[in-house]
Each structure stands twice: as C-alpha cells, then as structure tokens.
C-alpha cells in the first residue's frame, strides 16, 4: 500500500539518524588515528576531514529541523 506522509518522513529521519551515527564512528576513528600521528601534514588532513564531518552534522541537523516542521 501507499506509505503515508508521516511514515515517509519517519523513514527519512531514520536514515539521517543512521548516517549521523556512521559519521560519528568515522570521526572517532579519525581522532584516534590523529592521536598516534606525529606527521603534521597528516594531522592537518585529518583535521580538515573532521571539519567536513562537522559540516555534514550541521546539514543533518538542519534537515531534521525541516522534517519536524513538515510534521506540524
């Protein structure tokens, strides 16, 4: 049968939550790797990636807010 709007929004929200969890795991791995590094160039690359992950988190938060608005 056809999914209701609420069900579709719930599915999308669930996907964003899973994506956020996966990104958090990647960030943890990157931070652990960075702790063991001495090479400043490699550390800088990891810090750049961590900044990009944070940008993605910000985007996901904005989308979750939009989903909440759509549910109203």
PDB file of N, CA and C in Angstrom:
ATOM      1  N   UNK A   1       0.829  -1.187   0.000  1.00  0.00           N
ATOM      2  CA  UNK A   1       0.000   0.000   0.000  1.00  0.00           C
ATOM      3  C   UNK A   1       0.877   1.256   0.000  1.00  0.00           C
ATOM      4  N   UNK A   2       0.227   2.375  -0.209  1.00  0.00           N
ATOM      5  CA  UNK A   2       0.941   3.646  -0.209  1.00  0.00           C
ATOM      6  C   UNK A   2       1.345   4.023   1.206  1.00  0.00           C
ATOM      7  N   UNK A   3       2.602   4.474   1.334  1.00  0.00           N
ATOM      8  CA  UNK A   3       3.070   4.967   2.623  1.00  0.00           C
ATOM      9  C   UNK A   3       2.427   6.315   2.896  1.00  0.00           C
ATOM     10  N   UNK A   4       2.138   6.549   4.140  1.00  0.00           N
ATOM     11  CA  UNK A   4       1.631   7.864   4.498  1.00  0.00           C
ATOM     12  C   UNK A   4       2.787   8.843   4.558  1.00  0.00           C
ATOM     13  N   UNK A   5       2.450  10.089   4.543  1.00  0.00           N
ATOM     14  CA  UNK A   5       3.476  11.136   4.625  1.00  0.00           C
ATOM     15  C   UNK A   5       4.286  10.970   5.905  1.00  0.00           C
ATOM     16  N   UNK A   6       3.596  10.681   7.004  1.00  0.00           N
ATOM     17  CA  UNK A   6       4.264  10.518   8.303  1.00  0.00           C
ATOM     18  C   UNK A   6       5.244   9.350   8.258  1.00  0.00           C
ATOM     19  N   UNK A   7       4.855   8.259   7.626  1.00  0.00           N
ATOM     20  CA  UNK A   7       5.744   7.092   7.526  1.00  0.00           C
ATOM     21  C   UNK A   7       6.975   7.418   6.694  1.00  0.00           C
ATOM     22  N   UNK A   8       6.769   8.135   5.602  1.00  0.00           N
ATOM     23  CA  UNK A   8       7.909   8.511   4.753  1.00  0.00           C
ATOM     24  C   UNK A   8       8.855   9.452   5.489  1.00  0.00           C
ATOM     25  N   UNK A   9       8.287  10.415   6.206  1.00  0.00           N
ATOM     26  CA  UNK A   9       9.126  11.329   6.979  1.00  0.00           C
ATOM     27  C   UNK A   9       9.887  10.570   8.061  1.00  0.00           C
ATOM     28  N   UNK A  10       9.221   9.602   8.691  1.00  0.00           N
ATOM     29  CA  UNK A  10       9.886   8.785   9.705  1.00  0.00           C
ATOM     30  C   UNK A  10      11.028   7.982   9.118  1.00  0.00           C
ATOM     31  N   UNK A  11      10.821   7.440   7.923  1.00  0.00           N
ATOM     32  CA  UNK A  11      11.879   6.680   7.254  1.00  0.00           C
ATOM     33  C   UNK A  11      13.068   7.573   6.952  1.00  0.00           C
ATOM     34  N   UNK A  12      12.795   8.745   6.398  1.00  0.00           N
ATOM     35  CA  UNK A  12      13.878   9.680   6.061  1.00  0.00           C
ATOM     36  C   UNK A  12      14.627  10.092   7.317  1.00  0.00           C
ATOM     37  N   UNK A  13      13.882  10.390   8.362  1.00  0.00           N
ATOM     38  CA  UNK A  13      14.515  10.778   9.625  1.00  0.00           C
ATOM     39  C   UNK A  13      15.396   9.649  10.161  1.00  0.00           C
ATOM     40  N   UNK A  14      14.913   8.420  10.061  1.00  0.00           N
ATOM     41  CA  UNK A  14      15.702   7.266  10.499  1.00  0.00           C
ATOM     42  C   UNK A  14      16.994   7.132   9.707  1.00  0.00           C
ATOM     43  N   UNK A  15      16.928   7.386   8.410  1.00  0.00           N
ATOM     44  CA  UNK A  15      18.128   7.319   7.580  1.00  0.00           C
ATOM     45  C   UNK A  15      19.140   8.379   7.988  1.00  0.00           C
ATOM     46  N   UNK A  16      18.644   9.577   8.323  1.00  0.00           N
ATOM     47  CA  UNK A  16      19.548  10.628   8.777  1.00  0.00           C
ATOM     48  C   UNK A  16      20.193  10.257  10.111  1.00  0.00           C
ATOM     49  N   UNK A  17      19.439   9.626  10.985  1.00  0.00           N
ATOM     50  CA  UNK A  17      19.991   9.205  12.281  1.00  0.00           C
ATOM     51  C   UNK A  17      21.084   8.166  12.063  1.00  0.00           C
ATOM     52  N   UNK A  18      20.821   7.191  11.186  1.00  0.00           N
ATOM     53  CA  UNK A  18      21.829   6.164  10.898  1.00  0.00           C
ATOM     54  C   UNK A  18      23.081   6.791  10.281  1.00  0.00           C
ATOM     55  N   UNK A  19      22.880   7.714   9.375  1.00  0.00           N
ATOM     56  CA  UNK A  19      24.016   8.391   8.740  1.00  0.00           C
ATOM     57  C   UNK A  19      24.820   9.161   9.779  1.00  0.00           C
ATOM     58  N   UNK A  20      24.135   9.835  10.692  1.00  0.00           N
ATOM     59  CA  UNK A  20      24.823  10.580  11.754  1.00  0.00           C
ATOM     60  C   UNK A  20      25.657   9.643  12.620  1.00  0.00           C
ATOM     61  N   UNK A  21      25.101   8.474  12.929  1.00  0.00           N
ATOM     62  CA  UNK A  21      25.834   7.509  13.747  1.00  0.00           C
ATOM     63  C   UNK A  21      27.080   7.006  13.015  1.00  0.00           C
ATOM     64  N   UNK A  22      26.939   6.745  11.729  1.00  0.00           N
ATOM     65  CA  UNK A  22      28.089   6.278  10.949  1.00  0.00           C
ATOM     66  C   UNK A  22      29.176   7.349  10.882  1.00  0.00           C
ATOM     67  N   UNK A  23      28.766   8.587  10.704  1.00  0.00           N
ATOM     68  CA  UNK A  23      29.736   9.683  10.652  1.00  0.00           C
ATOM     69  C   UNK A  23      30.428   9.830  12.001  1.00  0.00           C
ATOM     70  N   UNK A  24      29.679   9.698  13.081  1.00  0.00           N
ATOM     71  CA  UNK A  24      30.274   9.791  14.419  1.00  0.00           C
ATOM     72  C   UNK A  24      31.325   8.706  14.614  1.00  0.00           C
ATOM     73  N   UNK A  25      31.052   7.504  14.132  1.00  0.00           N
ATOM     74  CA  UNK A  25      32.027   6.420  14.227  1.00  0.00           C
ATOM     75  C   UNK A  25      33.276   6.738  13.412  1.00  0.00           C
ATOM     76  N   UNK A  26      33.091   7.269  12.217  1.00  0.00           N
ATOM     77  CA  UNK A  26      34.235   7.661  11.390  1.00  0.00           C
ATOM     78  C   UNK A  26      35.068   8.740  12.076  1.00  0.00           C
ATOM     79  N   UNK A  27      34.390   9.693  12.688  1.00  0.00           N
ATOM     80  CA  UNK A  27      35.099  10.767  13.390  1.00  0.00           C
ATOM     81  C   UNK A  27      35.916  10.206  14.548  1.00  0.00           C
ATOM     82  N   UNK A  28      35.337   9.269  15.289  1.00  0.00           N
ATOM     83  CA  UNK A  28      36.072   8.640  16.398  1.00  0.00           C
ATOM     84  C   UNK A  28      37.332   7.955  15.888  1.00  0.00           C
ATOM     85  N   UNK A  29      37.200   7.230  14.777  1.00  0.00           N
ATOM     86  CA  UNK A  29      38.362   6.539  14.192  1.00  0.00           C
ATOM     87  C   UNK A  29      39.427   7.545  13.775  1.00  0.00           C
ATOM     88  N   UNK A  30      38.991   8.628  13.138  1.00  0.00           N
ATOM     89  CA  UNK A  30      39.934   9.652  12.680  1.00  0.00           C
ATOM     90  C   UNK A  30      40.661  10.290  13.869  1.00  0.00           C
ATOM     91  N   UNK A  31      39.909  10.584  14.931  1.00  0.00           N
ATOM     92  CA  UNK A  31      40.516  11.209  16.103  1.00  0.00           C
ATOM     93  C   UNK A  31      41.523  10.272  16.772  1.00  0.00           C
ATOM     94  N   UNK A  32      41.195   8.994  16.843  1.00  0.00           N
ATOM     95  CA  UNK A  32      42.130   8.025  17.422  1.00  0.00           C
ATOM     96  C   UNK A  32      43.397   7.926  16.583  1.00  0.00           C
ATOM     97  N   UNK A  33      43.224   7.913  15.259  1.00  0.00           N
ATOM     98  CA  UNK A  33      44.383   7.852  14.372  1.00  0.00           C
ATOM     99  C   UNK A  33      45.246   9.102  14.535  1.00  0.00           C
ATOM    100  N   UNK A  34      44.604  10.241  14.652  1.00  0.00           N
ATOM    101  CA  UNK A  34      45.321  11.501  14.761  1.00  0.00           C
ATOM    102  C   UNK A  34      46.175  11.541  16.037  1.00  0.00           C
ATOM    103  N   UNK A  35      45.664  10.941  17.111  1.00  0.00           N
ATOM    104  CA  UNK A  35      46.401  10.935  18.375  1.00  0.00           C
ATOM    105  C   UNK A  35      47.743  10.216  18.265  1.00  0.00           C
ATOM    106  N   UNK A  36      47.809   9.228  17.371  1.00  0.00           N
ATOM    107  CA  UNK A  36      49.037   8.444  17.254  1.00  0.00           C
ATOM    108  C   UNK A  36      50.008   8.997  16.209  1.00  0.00           C
ATOM    109  N   UNK A  37      49.595  10.028  15.504  1.00  0.00           N
ATOM    110  CA  UNK A  37      50.436  10.570  14.434  1.00  0.00           C
ATOM    111  C   UNK A  37      51.388  11.643  14.948  1.00  0.00           C
ATOM    112  N   UNK A  38      52.514  11.729  14.285  1.00  0.00           N
ATOM    113  CA  UNK A  38      53.491  12.787  14.565  1.00  0.00           C
ATOM    114  C   UNK A  38      53.627  13.728  13.365  1.00  0.00           C
ATOM    115  N   UNK A  39      53.271  13.233  12.194  1.00  0.00           N
ATOM    116  CA  UNK A  39      53.394  13.996  10.947  1.00  0.00           C
ATOM    117  C   UNK A  39      52.325  15.104  10.903  1.00  0.00           C
ATOM    118  N   UNK A  40      52.771  16.339  10.944  1.00  0.00           N
ATOM    119  CA  UNK A  40      51.859  17.480  10.980  1.00  0.00           C
ATOM    120  C   UNK A  40      50.988  17.576   9.723  1.00  0.00           C
ATOM    121  N   UNK A  41      51.518  17.156   8.581  1.00  0.00           N
ATOM    122  CA  UNK A  41      50.731  17.192   7.348  1.00  0.00           C
ATOM    123  C   UNK A  41      49.549  16.223   7.429  1.00  0.00           C
ATOM    124  N   UNK A  42      49.801  15.030   7.934  1.00  0.00           N
ATOM    125  CA  UNK A  42      48.724  14.048   8.074  1.00  0.00           C
ATOM    126  C   UNK A  42      47.700  14.503   9.109  1.00  0.00           C
ATOM    127  N   UNK A  43      48.178  15.115  10.177  1.00  0.00           N
ATOM    128  CA  UNK A  43      47.275  15.637  11.200  1.00  0.00           C
ATOM    129  C   UNK A  43      46.390  16.727  10.598  1.00  0.00           C
ATOM    130  N   UNK A  44      46.957  17.581   9.782  1.00  0.00           N
ATOM    131  CA  UNK A  44      46.194  18.660   9.146  1.00  0.00           C
ATOM    132  C   UNK A  44      45.108  18.088   8.231  1.00  0.00           C
ATOM    133  N   UNK A  45      45.438  17.023   7.509  1.00  0.00           N
ATOM    134  CA  UNK A  45      44.460  16.387   6.616  1.00  0.00           C
ATOM    135  C   UNK A  45      43.302  15.823   7.431  1.00  0.00           C
ATOM    136  N   UNK A  46      43.611  15.178   8.535  1.00  0.00           N
ATOM    137  CA  UNK A  46      42.568  14.607   9.386  1.00  0.00           C
ATOM    138  C   UNK A  46      41.708  15.711   9.990  1.00  0.00           C
ATOM    139  N   UNK A  47      42.329  16.799  10.406  1.00  0.00           N
ATOM    140  CA  UNK A  47      41.561  17.914  10.961  1.00  0.00           C
ATOM    141  C   UNK A  47      40.608  18.490   9.913  1.00  0.00           C
ATOM    142  N   UNK A  48      41.053  18.547   8.675  1.00  0.00           N
ATOM    143  CA  UNK A  48      40.199  19.013   7.583  1.00  0.00           C
ATOM    144  C   UNK A  48      38.991  18.096   7.415  1.00  0.00           C
ATOM    145  N   UNK A  49      39.249  16.795   7.449  1.00  0.00           N
ATOM    146  CA  UNK A  49      38.150  15.832   7.327  1.00  0.00           C
ATOM    147  C   UNK A  49      37.173  15.973   8.482  1.00  0.00           C
ATOM    148  N   UNK A  50      37.700  16.176   9.689  1.00  0.00           N
ATOM    149  CA  UNK A  50      36.827  16.339  10.848  1.00  0.00           C
ATOM    150  C   UNK A  50      35.948  17.582  10.709  1.00  0.00           C
ATOM    151  N   UNK A  51      36.501  18.644  10.149  1.00  0.00           N
ATOM    152  CA  UNK A  51      35.714  19.852   9.899  1.00  0.00           C
ATOM    153  C   UNK A  51      34.595  19.568   8.900  1.00  0.00           C
ATOM    154  N   UNK A  52      34.907  18.791   7.869  1.00  0.00           N
ATOM    155  CA  UNK A  52      33.888  18.441   6.878  1.00  0.00           C
ATOM    156  C   UNK A  52      32.800  17.577   7.506  1.00  0.00           C
ATOM    157  N   UNK A  53      33.192  16.647   8.381  1.00  0.00           N
ATOM    158  CA  UNK A  53      32.197  15.841   9.089  1.00  0.00           C
ATOM    159  C   UNK A  53      31.289  16.734   9.929  1.00  0.00           C
ATOM    160  N   UNK A  54      31.871  17.725  10.583  1.00  0.00           N
ATOM    161  CA  UNK A  54      31.057  18.653  11.373  1.00  0.00           C
ATOM    162  C   UNK A  54      30.091  19.439  10.500  1.00  0.00           C
ATOM    163  N   UNK A  55      30.532  19.812   9.294  1.00  0.00           N
ATOM    164  CA  UNK A  55      29.645  20.494   8.351  1.00  0.00           C
ATOM    165  C   UNK A  55      28.470  19.591   7.979  1.00  0.00           C
ATOM    166  N   UNK A  56      28.752  18.311   7.790  1.00  0.00           N
ATOM    167  CA  UNK A  56      27.685  17.361   7.463  1.00  0.00           C
ATOM    168  C   UNK A  56      26.717  17.234   8.625  1.00  0.00           C
ATOM    169  N   UNK A  57      27.236  17.179   9.861  1.00  0.00           N
ATOM    170  CA  UNK A  57      26.365  17.134  11.033  1.00  0.00           C
ATOM    171  C   UNK A  57      25.441  18.351  11.071  1.00  0.00           C
ATOM    172  N   UNK A  58      25.987  19.516  10.769  1.00  0.00           N
ATOM    173  CA  UNK A  58      25.184  20.741  10.758  1.00  0.00           C
ATOM    174  C   UNK A  58      24.068  20.621   9.730  1.00  0.00           C
ATOM    175  N   UNK A  59      24.410  20.122   8.554  1.00  0.00           N
ATOM    176  CA  UNK A  59      23.416  19.925   7.500  1.00  0.00           C
ATOM    177  C   UNK A  59      22.335  18.941   7.963  1.00  0.00           C
ATOM    178  N   UNK A  60      22.733  17.837   8.555  1.00  0.00           N
ATOM    179  CA  UNK A  60      21.768  16.837   9.013  1.00  0.00           C
ATOM    180  C   UNK A  60      20.852  17.416  10.087  1.00  0.00           C
ATOM    181  N   UNK A  61      21.399  18.242  10.969  1.00  0.00           N
ATOM    182  CA  UNK A  61      20.569  18.900  11.989  1.00  0.00           C
ATOM    183  C   UNK A  61      19.538  19.815  11.343  1.00  0.00           C
ATOM    184  N   UNK A  62      19.950  20.550  10.322  1.00  0.00           N
ATOM    185  CA  UNK A  62      19.029  21.439   9.617  1.00  0.00           C
ATOM    186  C   UNK A  62      17.907  20.636   8.957  1.00  0.00           C
ATOM    187  N   UNK A  63      18.265  19.526   8.349  1.00  0.00           N
ATOM    188  CA  UNK A  63      17.271  18.691   7.684  1.00  0.00           C
ATOM    189  C   UNK A  63      16.305  18.098   8.707  1.00  0.00           C
ATOM    190  N   UNK A  64      16.815  17.658   9.847  1.00  0.00           N
ATOM    191  CA  UNK A  64      15.930  17.128  10.887  1.00  0.00           C
ATOM    192  C   UNK A  64      14.957  18.208  11.351  1.00  0.00           C
ATOM    193  N   UNK A  65      15.418  19.450  11.424  1.00  0.00           N
ATOM    194  CA  UNK A  65      14.527  20.559  11.765  1.00  0.00           C
ATOM    195  C   UNK A  65      13.449  20.754  10.717  1.00  0.00           C
ATOM    196  N   UNK A  66      13.825  20.629   9.457  1.00  0.00           N
ATOM    197  CA  UNK A  66      12.850  20.752   8.372  1.00  0.00           C
ATOM    198  C   UNK A  66      11.821  19.619   8.429  1.00  0.00           C
ATOM    199  N   UNK A  67      12.283  18.430   8.741  1.00  0.00           N
ATOM    200  CA  UNK A  67      11.368  17.298   8.865  1.00  0.00           C
ATOM    201  C   UNK A  67      10.374  17.563  10.003  1.00  0.00           C
ATOM    202  N   UNK A  68      10.860  18.088  11.112  1.00  0.00           N
ATOM    203  CA  UNK A  68       9.979  18.410  12.234  1.00  0.00           C
ATOM    204  C   UNK A  68       8.923  19.440  11.815  1.00  0.00           C
ATOM    205  N   UNK A  69       9.336  20.422  11.021  1.00  0.00           N
ATOM    206  CA  UNK A  69       8.378  21.420  10.521  1.00  0.00           C
ATOM    207  C   UNK A  69       7.344  20.781   9.622  1.00  0.00           C
ATOM    208  N   UNK A  70       7.749  19.849   8.782  1.00  0.00           N
ATOM    209  CA  UNK A  70       6.813  19.179   7.885  1.00  0.00           C
ATOM    210  C   UNK A  70       5.792  18.342   8.640  1.00  0.00           C
ATOM    211  N   UNK A  71       6.181  17.868   9.816  1.00  0.00           N
ATOM    212  CA  UNK A  71       5.256  17.052  10.613  1.00  0.00           C
ATOM    213  C   UNK A  71       4.167  17.899  11.274  1.00  0.00           C
ATOM    214  N   UNK A  72       4.387  19.187  11.362  1.00  0.00           N
ATOM    215  CA  UNK A  72       3.412  20.066  12.031  1.00  0.00           C
ATOM    216  C   UNK A  72       2.171  20.251  11.194  1.00  0.00           C
TER     217      UNK A  72
END
